PDB file of all heavy atoms in Angstrom:
ATOM      1  N   GLY A   1      55.172 -35.779  80.485  1.00  0.00           N
ATOM      2  CA  GLY A   1      54.701 -34.572  81.152  1.00  0.00           C
ATOM      3  C   GLY A   1      55.702 -33.992  82.122  1.00  0.00           C
ATOM      4  O   GLY A   1      56.816 -34.511  82.309  1.00  0.00           O
ATOM      5  N   PRO A   2      55.309 -32.912  82.817  1.00  0.00           N
ATOM      6  CA  PRO A   2      56.233 -32.228  83.730  1.00  0.00           C
ATOM      7  C   PRO A   2      56.304 -32.832  85.125  1.00  0.00           C
ATOM      8  O   PRO A   2      57.154 -32.425  85.926  1.00  0.00           O
ATOM      9  CB  PRO A   2      55.646 -30.805  83.797  1.00  0.00           C
ATOM     10  CG  PRO A   2      54.177 -31.006  83.570  1.00  0.00           C
ATOM     11  CD  PRO A   2      54.051 -32.150  82.609  1.00  0.00           C
ATOM     12  N   SER A   3      55.416 -33.796  85.461  1.00  0.00           N
ATOM     13  CA  SER A   3      55.460 -34.408  86.793  1.00  0.00           C
ATOM     14  C   SER A   3      54.737 -35.740  86.760  1.00  0.00           C
ATOM     15  O   SER A   3      54.128 -36.120  85.756  1.00  0.00           O
ATOM     16  CB  SER A   3      54.815 -33.491  87.840  1.00  0.00           C
ATOM     17  OG  SER A   3      53.409 -33.604  87.801  1.00  0.00           O
ATOM     18  N   LEU A   4      54.790 -36.431  87.904  1.00  0.00           N
ATOM     19  CA  LEU A   4      54.110 -37.718  88.047  1.00  0.00           C
ATOM     20  C   LEU A   4      52.875 -37.613  88.945  1.00  0.00           C
ATOM     21  O   LEU A   4      52.205 -38.611  89.187  1.00  0.00           O
ATOM     22  CB  LEU A   4      55.075 -38.750  88.652  1.00  0.00           C
ATOM     23  CG  LEU A   4      56.271 -39.154  87.787  1.00  0.00           C
ATOM     24  CD1 LEU A   4      57.270 -39.960  88.615  1.00  0.00           C
ATOM     25  CD2 LEU A   4      55.817 -39.951  86.580  1.00  0.00           C
ATOM     26  N   ALA A   5      52.585 -36.443  89.404  1.00  0.00           N
ATOM     27  CA  ALA A   5      51.570 -36.261  90.432  1.00  0.00           C
ATOM     28  C   ALA A   5      50.190 -36.749  90.008  1.00  0.00           C
ATOM     29  O   ALA A   5      49.440 -37.301  90.819  1.00  0.00           O
ATOM     30  CB  ALA A   5      51.495 -34.782  90.829  1.00  0.00           C
ATOM     31  N   LEU A   6      49.831 -36.564  88.744  1.00  0.00           N
ATOM     32  CA  LEU A   6      48.486 -36.906  88.302  1.00  0.00           C
ATOM     33  C   LEU A   6      48.344 -38.346  87.830  1.00  0.00           C
ATOM     34  O   LEU A   6      47.231 -38.848  87.692  1.00  0.00           O
ATOM     35  CB  LEU A   6      48.057 -35.960  87.176  1.00  0.00           C
ATOM     36  CG  LEU A   6      47.912 -34.483  87.553  1.00  0.00           C
ATOM     37  CD1 LEU A   6      47.525 -33.667  86.324  1.00  0.00           C
ATOM     38  CD2 LEU A   6      46.886 -34.312  88.657  1.00  0.00           C
ATOM     39  N   SER A   7      49.454 -39.031  87.570  1.00  0.00           N
ATOM     40  CA  SER A   7      49.369 -40.350  86.949  1.00  0.00           C
ATOM     41  C   SER A   7      49.905 -41.492  87.798  1.00  0.00           C
ATOM     42  O   SER A   7      49.700 -42.655  87.465  1.00  0.00           O
ATOM     43  CB  SER A   7      50.121 -40.333  85.612  1.00  0.00           C
ATOM     44  OG  SER A   7      51.477 -39.954  85.807  1.00  0.00           O
ATOM     45  N   MET A   8      50.591 -41.213  88.887  1.00  0.00           N
ATOM     46  CA  MET A   8      51.251 -42.258  89.669  1.00  0.00           C
ATOM     47  C   MET A   8      50.960 -42.075  91.151  1.00  0.00           C
ATOM     48  O   MET A   8      50.855 -40.952  91.642  1.00  0.00           O
ATOM     49  CB  MET A   8      52.769 -42.221  89.413  1.00  0.00           C
ATOM     50  CG  MET A   8      53.548 -43.364  90.024  1.00  0.00           C
ATOM     51  SD  MET A   8      55.333 -43.253  89.657  1.00  0.00           S
ATOM     52  CE  MET A   8      55.349 -43.522  87.887  1.00  0.00           C
ATOM     53  N   SER A   9      50.850 -43.205  91.870  1.00  0.00           N
ATOM     54  CA  SER A   9      50.636 -43.162  93.317  1.00  0.00           C
ATOM     55  C   SER A   9      51.792 -42.438  93.996  1.00  0.00           C
ATOM     56  O   SER A   9      52.961 -42.602  93.617  1.00  0.00           O
ATOM     57  CB  SER A   9      50.504 -44.575  93.874  1.00  0.00           C
ATOM     58  OG  SER A   9      49.365 -45.222  93.342  1.00  0.00           O
ATOM     59  N   SER A  10      51.470 -41.681  95.028  1.00  0.00           N
ATOM     60  CA  SER A  10      52.475 -40.840  95.689  1.00  0.00           C
ATOM     61  C   SER A  10      53.620 -41.663  96.265  1.00  0.00           C
ATOM     62  O   SER A  10      54.794 -41.282  96.145  1.00  0.00           O
ATOM     63  CB  SER A  10      51.806 -40.024  96.786  1.00  0.00           C
ATOM     64  OG  SER A  10      52.748 -39.255  97.493  1.00  0.00           O
ATOM     65  N   TYR A  11      53.298 -42.803  96.903  1.00  0.00           N
ATOM     66  CA  TYR A  11      54.361 -43.604  97.525  1.00  0.00           C
ATOM     67  C   TYR A  11      55.367 -44.066  96.493  1.00  0.00           C
ATOM     68  O   TYR A  11      56.578 -44.143  96.760  1.00  0.00           O
ATOM     69  CB  TYR A  11      53.763 -44.807  98.266  1.00  0.00           C
ATOM     70  CG  TYR A  11      53.433 -45.996  97.386  1.00  0.00           C
ATOM     71  CD1 TYR A  11      54.367 -47.006  97.157  1.00  0.00           C
ATOM     72  CD2 TYR A  11      52.186 -46.114  96.769  1.00  0.00           C
ATOM     73  CE1 TYR A  11      54.070 -48.088  96.349  1.00  0.00           C
ATOM     74  CE2 TYR A  11      51.885 -47.199  95.962  1.00  0.00           C
ATOM     75  CZ  TYR A  11      52.826 -48.176  95.755  1.00  0.00           C
ATOM     76  OH  TYR A  11      52.545 -49.256  94.943  1.00  0.00           O
ATOM     77  N   LEU A  12      54.899 -44.354  95.270  1.00  0.00           N
ATOM     78  CA  LEU A  12      55.775 -44.869  94.227  1.00  0.00           C
ATOM     79  C   LEU A  12      56.626 -43.763  93.613  1.00  0.00           C
ATOM     80  O   LEU A  12      57.836 -43.932  93.423  1.00  0.00           O
ATOM     81  CB  LEU A  12      54.924 -45.556  93.157  1.00  0.00           C
ATOM     82  CG  LEU A  12      55.663 -46.329  92.052  1.00  0.00           C
ATOM     83  CD1 LEU A  12      56.631 -47.353  92.646  1.00  0.00           C
ATOM     84  CD2 LEU A  12      54.646 -47.031  91.156  1.00  0.00           C
ATOM     85  N   SER A  13      56.029 -42.611  93.333  1.00  0.00           N
ATOM     86  CA  SER A  13      56.803 -41.509  92.747  1.00  0.00           C
ATOM     87  C   SER A  13      57.878 -41.023  93.720  1.00  0.00           C
ATOM     88  O   SER A  13      58.986 -40.667  93.317  1.00  0.00           O
ATOM     89  CB  SER A  13      55.882 -40.358  92.353  1.00  0.00           C
ATOM     90  OG  SER A  13      55.178 -39.849  93.464  1.00  0.00           O
ATOM     91  N   SER A  14      57.566 -41.053  95.019  1.00  0.00           N
ATOM     92  CA  SER A  14      58.566 -40.635  96.020  1.00  0.00           C
ATOM     93  C   SER A  14      59.760 -41.584  96.017  1.00  0.00           C
ATOM     94  O   SER A  14      60.920 -41.155  96.127  1.00  0.00           O
ATOM     95  CB  SER A  14      57.935 -40.596  97.406  1.00  0.00           C
ATOM     96  OG  SER A  14      56.890 -39.651  97.462  1.00  0.00           O
ATOM     97  N   ARG A  15      59.509 -42.873  95.898  1.00  0.00           N
ATOM     98  CA  ARG A  15      60.603 -43.847  95.870  1.00  0.00           C
ATOM     99  C   ARG A  15      61.471 -43.682  94.624  1.00  0.00           C
ATOM    100  O   ARG A  15      62.696 -43.812  94.672  1.00  0.00           O
ATOM    101  CB  ARG A  15      60.046 -45.259  95.924  1.00  0.00           C
ATOM    102  CG  ARG A  15      59.479 -45.630  97.269  1.00  0.00           C
ATOM    103  CD  ARG A  15      59.001 -47.065  97.286  1.00  0.00           C
ATOM    104  NE  ARG A  15      58.357 -47.401  98.535  1.00  0.00           N
ATOM    105  CZ  ARG A  15      57.801 -48.573  98.790  1.00  0.00           C
ATOM    106  NH1 ARG A  15      57.810 -49.518  97.855  1.00  0.00           N
ATOM    107  NH2 ARG A  15      57.235 -48.812  99.947  1.00  0.00           N
ATOM    108  N   LEU A  16      60.820 -43.418  93.504  1.00  0.00           N
ATOM    109  CA  LEU A  16      61.579 -43.230  92.264  1.00  0.00           C
ATOM    110  C   LEU A  16      62.521 -42.043  92.375  1.00  0.00           C
ATOM    111  O   LEU A  16      63.690 -42.113  91.978  1.00  0.00           O
ATOM    112  CB  LEU A  16      60.621 -43.025  91.084  1.00  0.00           C
ATOM    113  CG  LEU A  16      59.760 -44.219  90.677  1.00  0.00           C
ATOM    114  CD1 LEU A  16      58.699 -43.795  89.680  1.00  0.00           C
ATOM    115  CD2 LEU A  16      60.624 -45.324  90.083  1.00  0.00           C
ATOM    116  N   GLU A  17      62.004 -40.942  92.892  1.00  0.00           N
ATOM    117  CA  GLU A  17      62.822 -39.731  93.020  1.00  0.00           C
ATOM    118  C   GLU A  17      63.996 -39.937  93.980  1.00  0.00           C
ATOM    119  O   GLU A  17      65.056 -39.336  93.816  1.00  0.00           O
ATOM    120  CB  GLU A  17      61.949 -38.572  93.518  1.00  0.00           C
ATOM    121  CG  GLU A  17      60.867 -38.135  92.552  1.00  0.00           C
ATOM    122  CD  GLU A  17      61.402 -37.279  91.407  1.00  0.00           C
ATOM    123  OE1 GLU A  17      62.631 -37.139  91.299  1.00  0.00           O
ATOM    124  OE2 GLU A  17      60.581 -36.778  90.620  1.00  0.00           O
ATOM    125  N   ALA A  18      63.821 -40.823  94.965  1.00  0.00           N
ATOM    126  CA  ALA A  18      64.860 -41.009  95.986  1.00  0.00           C
ATOM    127  C   ALA A  18      65.876 -42.080  95.625  1.00  0.00           C
ATOM    128  O   ALA A  18      66.921 -42.179  96.272  1.00  0.00           O
ATOM    129  CB  ALA A  18      64.205 -41.358  97.318  1.00  0.00           C
ATOM    130  N   ASP A  19      65.593 -42.886  94.610  1.00  0.00           N
ATOM    131  CA  ASP A  19      66.466 -44.013  94.275  1.00  0.00           C
ATOM    132  C   ASP A  19      67.635 -43.553  93.399  1.00  0.00           C
ATOM    133  O   ASP A  19      67.430 -43.069  92.283  1.00  0.00           O
ATOM    134  CB  ASP A  19      65.657 -45.080  93.537  1.00  0.00           C
ATOM    135  CG  ASP A  19      66.390 -46.415  93.457  1.00  0.00           C
ATOM    136  OD1 ASP A  19      67.634 -46.412  93.371  1.00  0.00           O
ATOM    137  OD2 ASP A  19      65.707 -47.460  93.485  1.00  0.00           O
ATOM    138  N   PRO A  20      68.872 -43.695  93.869  1.00  0.00           N
ATOM    139  CA  PRO A  20      70.023 -43.238  93.072  1.00  0.00           C
ATOM    140  C   PRO A  20      70.250 -44.058  91.807  1.00  0.00           C
ATOM    141  O   PRO A  20      70.974 -43.616  90.907  1.00  0.00           O
ATOM    142  CB  PRO A  20      71.199 -43.399  94.046  1.00  0.00           C
ATOM    143  CG  PRO A  20      70.759 -44.445  95.015  1.00  0.00           C
ATOM    144  CD  PRO A  20      69.287 -44.253  95.169  1.00  0.00           C
ATOM    145  N   ALA A  21      69.642 -45.243  91.727  1.00  0.00           N
ATOM    146  CA  ALA A  21      69.814 -46.081  90.540  1.00  0.00           C
ATOM    147  C   ALA A  21      68.798 -45.746  89.451  1.00  0.00           C
ATOM    148  O   ALA A  21      68.788 -46.379  88.391  1.00  0.00           O
ATOM    149  CB  ALA A  21      69.696 -47.556  90.917  1.00  0.00           C
ATOM    150  N   ILE A  22      67.939 -44.736  89.707  1.00  0.00           N
ATOM    151  CA  ILE A  22      66.901 -44.365  88.747  1.00  0.00           C
ATOM    152  C   ILE A  22      66.980 -42.869  88.463  1.00  0.00           C
ATOM    153  O   ILE A  22      67.064 -42.055  89.388  1.00  0.00           O
ATOM    154  CB  ILE A  22      65.496 -44.713  89.280  1.00  0.00           C
ATOM    155  CG1 ILE A  22      65.375 -46.220  89.533  1.00  0.00           C
ATOM    156  CG2 ILE A  22      64.415 -44.247  88.313  1.00  0.00           C
ATOM    157  CD1 ILE A  22      64.074 -46.614  90.210  1.00  0.00           C
ATOM    158  N   SER A  23      66.948 -42.517  87.187  1.00  0.00           N
ATOM    159  CA  SER A  23      66.872 -41.114  86.780  1.00  0.00           C
ATOM    160  C   SER A  23      65.527 -40.887  86.115  1.00  0.00           C
ATOM    161  O   SER A  23      65.165 -41.616  85.182  1.00  0.00           O
ATOM    162  CB  SER A  23      67.997 -40.757  85.802  1.00  0.00           C
ATOM    163  OG  SER A  23      69.256 -40.868  86.419  1.00  0.00           O
ATOM    164  N   VAL A  24      64.785 -39.901  86.585  1.00  0.00           N
ATOM    165  CA  VAL A  24      63.494 -39.563  85.989  1.00  0.00           C
ATOM    166  C   VAL A  24      63.693 -38.354  85.077  1.00  0.00           C
ATOM    167  O   VAL A  24      64.139 -37.298  85.523  1.00  0.00           O
ATOM    168  CB  VAL A  24      62.442 -39.252  87.066  1.00  0.00           C
ATOM    169  CG1 VAL A  24      61.089 -38.968  86.408  1.00  0.00           C
ATOM    170  CG2 VAL A  24      62.317 -40.414  88.047  1.00  0.00           C
ATOM    171  N   HIS A  25      63.365 -38.526  83.818  1.00  0.00           N
ATOM    172  CA  HIS A  25      63.519 -37.459  82.824  1.00  0.00           C
ATOM    173  C   HIS A  25      62.127 -36.953  82.464  1.00  0.00           C
ATOM    174  O   HIS A  25      61.356 -37.652  81.797  1.00  0.00           O
ATOM    175  CB  HIS A  25      64.215 -37.979  81.565  1.00  0.00           C
ATOM    176  CG  HIS A  25      65.545 -38.625  81.823  1.00  0.00           C
ATOM    177  ND1 HIS A  25      66.738 -37.948  81.756  1.00  0.00           N
ATOM    178  CD2 HIS A  25      65.863 -39.909  82.169  1.00  0.00           C
ATOM    179  CE1 HIS A  25      67.734 -38.765  82.027  1.00  0.00           C
ATOM    180  NE2 HIS A  25      67.232 -39.970  82.287  1.00  0.00           N
ATOM    181  N   TYR A  26      61.798 -35.739  82.880  1.00  0.00           N
ATOM    182  CA  TYR A  26      60.489 -35.166  82.571  1.00  0.00           C
ATOM    183  C   TYR A  26      60.516 -34.471  81.204  1.00  0.00           C
ATOM    184  O   TYR A  26      61.586 -34.119  80.688  1.00  0.00           O
ATOM    185  CB  TYR A  26      60.083 -34.170  83.657  1.00  0.00           C
ATOM    186  CG  TYR A  26      59.875 -34.822  85.013  1.00  0.00           C
ATOM    187  CD1 TYR A  26      60.799 -34.671  86.044  1.00  0.00           C
ATOM    188  CD2 TYR A  26      58.740 -35.598  85.257  1.00  0.00           C
ATOM    189  CE1 TYR A  26      60.612 -35.263  87.280  1.00  0.00           C
ATOM    190  CE2 TYR A  26      58.542 -36.199  86.488  1.00  0.00           C
ATOM    191  CZ  TYR A  26      59.489 -36.029  87.491  1.00  0.00           C
ATOM    192  OH  TYR A  26      59.303 -36.645  88.710  1.00  0.00           O
ATOM    193  N   ASN A  27      59.320 -34.281  80.644  1.00  0.00           N
ATOM    194  CA  ASN A  27      59.186 -33.615  79.338  1.00  0.00           C
ATOM    195  C   ASN A  27      60.102 -34.241  78.292  1.00  0.00           C
ATOM    196  O   ASN A  27      60.742 -33.552  77.497  1.00  0.00           O
ATOM    197  CB  ASN A  27      59.505 -32.115  79.476  1.00  0.00           C
ATOM    198  CG  ASN A  27      58.592 -31.414  80.459  1.00  0.00           C
ATOM    199  OD1 ASN A  27      57.375 -31.481  80.342  1.00  0.00           O
ATOM    200  ND2 ASN A  27      59.188 -30.767  81.455  1.00  0.00           N
ATOM    201  N   THR A  28      60.151 -35.575  78.299  1.00  0.00           N
ATOM    202  CA  THR A  28      61.109 -36.290  77.459  1.00  0.00           C
ATOM    203  C   THR A  28      60.424 -37.413  76.696  1.00  0.00           C
ATOM    204  O   THR A  28      59.528 -38.082  77.233  1.00  0.00           O
ATOM    205  CB  THR A  28      62.253 -36.877  78.316  1.00  0.00           C
ATOM    206  OG1 THR A  28      62.862 -35.828  79.065  1.00  0.00           O
ATOM    207  CG2 THR A  28      63.301 -37.548  77.446  1.00  0.00           C
ATOM    208  N   GLU A  29      60.858 -37.628  75.437  1.00  0.00           N
ATOM    209  CA  GLU A  29      60.314 -38.687  74.602  1.00  0.00           C
ATOM    210  C   GLU A  29      61.437 -39.415  73.880  1.00  0.00           C
ATOM    211  O   GLU A  29      62.561 -38.907  73.773  1.00  0.00           O
ATOM    212  CB  GLU A  29      59.336 -38.114  73.565  1.00  0.00           C
ATOM    213  CG  GLU A  29      58.118 -37.440  74.158  1.00  0.00           C
ATOM    214  CD  GLU A  29      57.201 -36.882  73.091  1.00  0.00           C
ATOM    215  OE1 GLU A  29      57.643 -36.789  71.920  1.00  0.00           O
ATOM    216  OE2 GLU A  29      56.045 -36.547  73.400  1.00  0.00           O
ATOM    217  N   ILE A  30      61.120 -40.621  73.381  1.00  0.00           N
ATOM    218  CA  ILE A  30      62.068 -41.359  72.547  1.00  0.00           C
ATOM    219  C   ILE A  30      62.081 -40.742  71.153  1.00  0.00           C
ATOM    220  O   ILE A  30      61.023 -40.510  70.558  1.00  0.00           O
ATOM    221  CB  ILE A  30      61.672 -42.849  72.453  1.00  0.00           C
ATOM    222  CG1 ILE A  30      61.811 -43.531  73.813  1.00  0.00           C
ATOM    223  CG2 ILE A  30      62.519 -43.574  71.412  1.00  0.00           C
ATOM    224  CD1 ILE A  30      63.238 -43.741  74.259  1.00  0.00           C
ATOM    225  N   ASP A  31      63.256 -40.505  70.652  1.00  0.00           N
ATOM    226  CA  ASP A  31      63.389 -39.931  69.307  1.00  0.00           C
ATOM    227  C   ASP A  31      63.741 -40.993  68.272  1.00  0.00           C
ATOM    228  O   ASP A  31      63.166 -41.021  67.186  1.00  0.00           O
ATOM    229  CB  ASP A  31      64.466 -38.842  69.313  1.00  0.00           C
ATOM    230  CG  ASP A  31      64.612 -38.168  67.952  1.00  0.00           C
ATOM    231  OD1 ASP A  31      63.747 -37.349  67.610  1.00  0.00           O
ATOM    232  OD2 ASP A  31      65.594 -38.498  67.236  1.00  0.00           O
ATOM    233  N   SER A  32      64.683 -41.888  68.598  1.00  0.00           N
ATOM    234  CA  SER A  32      65.089 -42.912  67.635  1.00  0.00           C
ATOM    235  C   SER A  32      65.719 -44.095  68.348  1.00  0.00           C
ATOM    236  O   SER A  32      66.106 -44.002  69.520  1.00  0.00           O
ATOM    237  CB  SER A  32      66.074 -42.338  66.609  1.00  0.00           C
ATOM    238  OG  SER A  32      67.209 -41.776  67.248  1.00  0.00           O
ATOM    239  N   LEU A  33      65.796 -45.212  67.614  1.00  0.00           N
ATOM    240  CA  LEU A  33      66.350 -46.458  68.129  1.00  0.00           C
ATOM    241  C   LEU A  33      67.616 -46.803  67.374  1.00  0.00           C
ATOM    242  O   LEU A  33      67.751 -46.504  66.181  1.00  0.00           O
ATOM    243  CB  LEU A  33      65.333 -47.592  67.960  1.00  0.00           C
ATOM    244  CG  LEU A  33      63.920 -47.335  68.481  1.00  0.00           C
ATOM    245  CD1 LEU A  33      62.998 -48.481  68.080  1.00  0.00           C
ATOM    246  CD2 LEU A  33      63.919 -47.155  69.994  1.00  0.00           C
ATOM    247  N   HIS A  34      68.537 -47.484  68.053  1.00  0.00           N
ATOM    248  CA  HIS A  34      69.804 -47.863  67.426  1.00  0.00           C
ATOM    249  C   HIS A  34      70.088 -49.343  67.696  1.00  0.00           C
ATOM    250  O   HIS A  34      69.787 -49.856  68.775  1.00  0.00           O
ATOM    251  CB  HIS A  34      70.949 -47.013  67.972  1.00  0.00           C
ATOM    252  CG  HIS A  34      70.679 -45.538  67.903  1.00  0.00           C
ATOM    253  ND1 HIS A  34      70.744 -44.808  66.742  1.00  0.00           N
ATOM    254  CD2 HIS A  34      70.300 -44.664  68.879  1.00  0.00           C
ATOM    255  CE1 HIS A  34      70.446 -43.543  66.995  1.00  0.00           C
ATOM    256  NE2 HIS A  34      70.168 -43.429  68.293  1.00  0.00           N
ATOM    257  N   GLY A  35      70.666 -50.003  66.719  1.00  0.00           N
ATOM    258  CA  GLY A  35      70.994 -51.421  66.833  1.00  0.00           C
ATOM    259  C   GLY A  35      70.521 -52.174  65.611  1.00  0.00           C
ATOM    260  O   GLY A  35      69.551 -51.778  64.954  1.00  0.00           O
ATOM    261  N   ASP A  36      71.219 -53.256  65.298  1.00  0.00           N
ATOM    262  CA  ASP A  36      70.851 -54.054  64.134  1.00  0.00           C
ATOM    263  C   ASP A  36      69.876 -55.170  64.543  1.00  0.00           C
ATOM    264  O   ASP A  36      68.682 -54.992  64.500  1.00  0.00           O
ATOM    265  CB  ASP A  36      72.115 -54.631  63.480  1.00  0.00           C
ATOM    266  CG  ASP A  36      73.010 -53.528  62.925  1.00  0.00           C
ATOM    267  OD1 ASP A  36      72.457 -52.518  62.440  1.00  0.00           O
ATOM    268  OD2 ASP A  36      74.245 -53.663  62.993  1.00  0.00           O
ATOM    269  N   ALA A  37      70.410 -56.316  64.929  1.00  0.00           N
ATOM    270  CA  ALA A  37      69.542 -57.415  65.350  1.00  0.00           C
ATOM    271  C   ALA A  37      69.054 -57.225  66.774  1.00  0.00           C
ATOM    272  O   ALA A  37      68.076 -57.841  67.193  1.00  0.00           O
ATOM    273  CB  ALA A  37      70.286 -58.739  65.224  1.00  0.00           C
ATOM    274  N   GLN A  38      69.711 -56.360  67.551  1.00  0.00           N
ATOM    275  CA  GLN A  38      69.391 -56.159  68.953  1.00  0.00           C
ATOM    276  C   GLN A  38      69.504 -54.678  69.289  1.00  0.00           C
ATOM    277  O   GLN A  38      70.402 -53.991  68.798  1.00  0.00           O
ATOM    278  CB  GLN A  38      70.347 -56.974  69.835  1.00  0.00           C
ATOM    279  CG  GLN A  38      70.143 -56.854  71.319  1.00  0.00           C
ATOM    280  CD  GLN A  38      68.959 -57.653  71.830  1.00  0.00           C
ATOM    281  OE1 GLN A  38      68.589 -58.656  71.217  1.00  0.00           O
ATOM    282  NE2 GLN A  38      68.357 -57.224  72.925  1.00  0.00           N
TER     283      GLN A  38
END
């Protein structure tokens, strides 16, 4: 979806947005997987 407001606690979504080690991609889905045994 376009935001986390309806599905996640506010304290947690705020931390995610502020953490430089985490990128939040909105309106995004997995398209395909790559790898053989792993």
